[in-house]
Structures are given as C-alpha cells and as structure tokens.
Amino acid sequence: VQPVEEPQGDNGYTQQIKDLTEMLMRKLNQAAMKGQHVGTDPHIQTLLASLTALHPKLVTDIEDTERKMKTQKLLLEKIGTCQQARESLNKMREEHLEKV
C-alpha cells in the first residue's frame, strides 16, 4: 500500500487555486496600502468569485483524500494483523515440528 498522493491530473487545478489566492492576496495588500475599500474593487471581486467557484471541487477533493487515507489506514491495520497471524502460525509450526 502506497501513500495517498495528489492525482497527477489535478496539478493544473491546484496550481490555479494557488495562483488565484496569491493574486487575491496581492490585490488585498495593494488596496490596503492605498486605503481603498475592497468591496468596490472589481478585480478583487472577480478573484473572490473565481475562488468561490472552485470551492466545491476543493471540498470534494479533500473529502475524497480523507476517505482514501481512512481506507489506507484500515488496509495497513489488516496487513499488520496478517503479519502477526503469519508469525504465530510459523511459531506454531516450529513447535509442532519439534514435537514430531
């Protein structure tokens, strides 16, 4: 079982979120430095709308990743149980061979 990683096809999506967030932070800082109200800046409103539109996919991806991590954890626990059972079986075989 390998660690859960970000799917390769979503790199553009995650990069888009990162880029939009960075642009929004720059615009917010610029507006603050100029003393402008961010509620009236059309660039900031557009960036917020773009990020808001991406939010449902982000939530879905987070939930999917959490589900995969939970599944991976359960599988690792089962592997551990199987390994313990194998060790016990091998020990019992050795004891049986010593008696025979």
C-alpha atoms as a PDB file:
ATOM      1  CA  VAL A   1       0.000   0.000   0.000  1.00  0.00           C
ATOM      2  CA  GLN A   2       1.459   3.315  -1.073  1.00  0.00           C
ATOM      3  CA  PRO A   3       0.812   6.735   0.469  1.00  0.00           C
ATOM      4  CA  VAL A   4      -2.072   8.763  -0.887  1.00  0.00           C
ATOM      5  CA  GLU A   5      -0.756  11.365  -3.282  1.00  0.00           C
ATOM      6  CA  GLU A   6      -2.342  14.144  -5.276  1.00  0.00           C
ATOM      7  CA  PRO A   7      -3.559  12.816  -8.626  1.00  0.00           C
ATOM      8  CA  GLN A   8      -1.335  13.951 -11.487  1.00  0.00           C
ATOM      9  CA  GLY A   9      -4.298  15.278 -13.491  1.00  0.00           C
ATOM     10  CA  ASP A  10      -5.219  17.814 -10.814  1.00  0.00           C
ATOM     11  CA  ASN A  11      -1.928  19.734 -10.848  1.00  0.00           C
ATOM     12  CA  GLY A  12      -3.473  22.423 -13.046  1.00  0.00           C
ATOM     13  CA  TYR A  13      -6.410  22.742 -10.681  1.00  0.00           C
ATOM     14  CA  THR A  14      -4.290  23.090  -7.555  1.00  0.00           C
ATOM     15  CA  GLN A  15      -1.963  25.495  -9.338  1.00  0.00           C
ATOM     16  CA  GLN A  16      -4.980  27.559 -10.375  1.00  0.00           C
ATOM     17  CA  ILE A  17      -6.134  27.809  -6.742  1.00  0.00           C
ATOM     18  CA  LYS A  18      -2.633  28.769  -5.649  1.00  0.00           C
ATOM     19  CA  ASP A  19      -2.311  31.418  -8.367  1.00  0.00           C
ATOM     20  CA  LEU A  20      -5.739  32.903  -7.660  1.00  0.00           C
ATOM     21  CA  THR A  21      -5.007  33.018  -3.935  1.00  0.00           C
ATOM     22  CA  GLU A  22      -1.663  34.727  -4.481  1.00  0.00           C
ATOM     23  CA  MET A  23      -3.228  37.288  -6.843  1.00  0.00           C
ATOM     24  CA  LEU A  24      -6.006  37.947  -4.344  1.00  0.00           C
ATOM     25  CA  MET A  25      -3.523  38.480  -1.520  1.00  0.00           C
ATOM     26  CA  ARG A  26      -1.518  40.924  -3.665  1.00  0.00           C
ATOM     27  CA  LYS A  27      -4.660  42.855  -4.611  1.00  0.00           C
ATOM     28  CA  LEU A  28      -5.827  42.953  -0.980  1.00  0.00           C
ATOM     29  CA  ASN A  29      -2.441  44.257   0.157  1.00  0.00           C
ATOM     30  CA  GLN A  30      -2.407  46.869  -2.614  1.00  0.00           C
ATOM     31  CA  ALA A  31      -5.897  48.039  -1.702  1.00  0.00           C
ATOM     32  CA  ALA A  32      -4.966  48.222   1.982  1.00  0.00           C
ATOM     33  CA  MET A  33      -1.842  50.249   1.208  1.00  0.00           C
ATOM     34  CA  LYS A  34      -3.905  52.688  -0.883  1.00  0.00           C
ATOM     35  CA  GLY A  35      -6.671  52.806   1.712  1.00  0.00           C
ATOM     36  CA  GLN A  36      -9.230  51.557  -0.797  1.00  0.00           C
ATOM     37  CA  HIS A  37     -12.356  49.638   0.136  1.00  0.00           C
ATOM     38  CA  VAL A  38     -12.000  46.052  -1.144  1.00  0.00           C
ATOM     39  CA  GLY A  39     -15.755  45.673  -1.600  1.00  0.00           C
ATOM     40  CA  THR A  40     -15.757  48.070  -4.525  1.00  0.00           C
ATOM     41  CA  ASP A  41     -12.664  46.765  -6.329  1.00  0.00           C
ATOM     42  CA  PRO A  42     -13.820  44.760  -9.379  1.00  0.00           C
ATOM     43  CA  HIS A  43     -10.536  42.811  -9.623  1.00  0.00           C
ATOM     44  CA  ILE A  44     -10.834  41.603  -6.038  1.00  0.00           C
ATOM     45  CA  GLN A  45     -14.491  40.711  -6.551  1.00  0.00           C
ATOM     46  CA  THR A  46     -13.606  38.723  -9.686  1.00  0.00           C
ATOM     47  CA  LEU A  47     -10.842  36.837  -7.875  1.00  0.00           C
ATOM     48  CA  LEU A  48     -13.180  36.055  -4.981  1.00  0.00           C
ATOM     49  CA  ALA A  49     -15.847  34.818  -7.401  1.00  0.00           C
ATOM     50  CA  SER A  50     -13.292  32.598  -9.150  1.00  0.00           C
ATOM     51  CA  LEU A  51     -12.103  31.094  -5.870  1.00  0.00           C
ATOM     52  CA  THR A  52     -15.679  30.617  -4.697  1.00  0.00           C
ATOM     53  CA  ALA A  53     -16.480  28.742  -7.915  1.00  0.00           C
ATOM     54  CA  LEU A  54     -13.574  26.355  -7.254  1.00  0.00           C
ATOM     55  CA  HIS A  55     -14.568  25.728  -3.632  1.00  0.00           C
ATOM     56  CA  PRO A  56     -16.998  22.805  -4.214  1.00  0.00           C
ATOM     57  CA  LYS A  57     -14.357  20.832  -6.143  1.00  0.00           C
ATOM     58  CA  LEU A  58     -11.813  21.566  -3.426  1.00  0.00           C
ATOM     59  CA  VAL A  59     -14.170  20.284  -0.725  1.00  0.00           C
ATOM     60  CA  THR A  60     -14.902  17.169  -2.790  1.00  0.00           C
ATOM     61  CA  ASP A  61     -11.178  16.546  -3.286  1.00  0.00           C
ATOM     62  CA  ILE A  62     -10.482  16.968   0.433  1.00  0.00           C
ATOM     63  CA  GLU A  63     -13.272  14.535   1.341  1.00  0.00           C
ATOM     64  CA  ASP A  64     -12.028  12.051  -1.268  1.00  0.00           C
ATOM     65  CA  THR A  65      -8.471  12.285   0.056  1.00  0.00           C
ATOM     66  CA  GLU A  66      -9.672  11.778   3.638  1.00  0.00           C
ATOM     67  CA  ARG A  67     -11.688   8.737   2.533  1.00  0.00           C
ATOM     68  CA  LYS A  68      -8.658   7.282   0.749  1.00  0.00           C
ATOM     69  CA  MET A  69      -6.472   7.897   3.789  1.00  0.00           C
ATOM     70  CA  LYS A  70      -9.007   6.142   6.026  1.00  0.00           C
ATOM     71  CA  THR A  71      -9.116   3.185   3.632  1.00  0.00           C
ATOM     72  CA  GLN A  72      -5.317   3.084   3.529  1.00  0.00           C
ATOM     73  CA  LYS A  73      -5.139   3.110   7.329  1.00  0.00           C
ATOM     74  CA  LEU A  74      -7.606   0.211   7.547  1.00  0.00           C
ATOM     75  CA  LEU A  75      -5.615  -1.759   4.979  1.00  0.00           C
ATOM     76  CA  LEU A  76      -2.388  -1.154   6.888  1.00  0.00           C
ATOM     77  CA  GLU A  77      -4.061  -2.402  10.071  1.00  0.00           C
ATOM     78  CA  LYS A  78      -5.215  -5.543   8.236  1.00  0.00           C
ATOM     79  CA  ILE A  79      -1.705  -6.094   6.908  1.00  0.00           C
ATOM     80  CA  GLY A  80      -0.377  -5.820  10.469  1.00  0.00           C
ATOM     81  CA  THR A  81      -2.924  -8.362  11.673  1.00  0.00           C
ATOM     82  CA  CYS A  82      -1.992 -10.737   8.839  1.00  0.00           C
ATOM     83  CA  GLN A  83       1.699 -10.391   9.658  1.00  0.00           C
ATOM     84  CA  GLN A  84       1.041 -11.184  13.316  1.00  0.00           C
ATOM     85  CA  ALA A  85      -1.060 -14.195  12.313  1.00  0.00           C
ATOM     86  CA  ARG A  86       1.719 -15.387   9.980  1.00  0.00           C
ATOM     87  CA  GLU A  87       4.302 -15.065  12.784  1.00  0.00           C
ATOM     88  CA  SER A  88       2.071 -17.022  15.162  1.00  0.00           C
ATOM     89  CA  LEU A  89       1.481 -19.712  12.571  1.00  0.00           C
ATOM     90  CA  ASN A  90       5.204 -20.044  11.867  1.00  0.00           C
ATOM     91  CA  LYS A  91       5.915 -20.330  15.584  1.00  0.00           C
ATOM     92  CA  MET A  92       3.239 -22.996  15.987  1.00  0.00           C
ATOM     93  CA  ARG A  93       4.709 -24.923  13.021  1.00  0.00           C
ATOM     94  CA  GLU A  94       8.154 -24.817  14.594  1.00  0.00           C
ATOM     95  CA  GLU A  95       6.768 -26.085  17.913  1.00  0.00           C
ATOM     96  CA  HIS A  96       4.871 -28.853  16.137  1.00  0.00           C
ATOM     97  CA  LEU A  97       7.971 -29.915  14.188  1.00  0.00           C
ATOM     98  CA  GLU A  98       9.957 -30.064  17.430  1.00  0.00           C
ATOM     99  CA  LYS A  99       7.347 -32.404  18.942  1.00  0.00           C
ATOM    100  CA  VAL A 100       7.289 -34.690  15.900  1.00  0.00           C
END
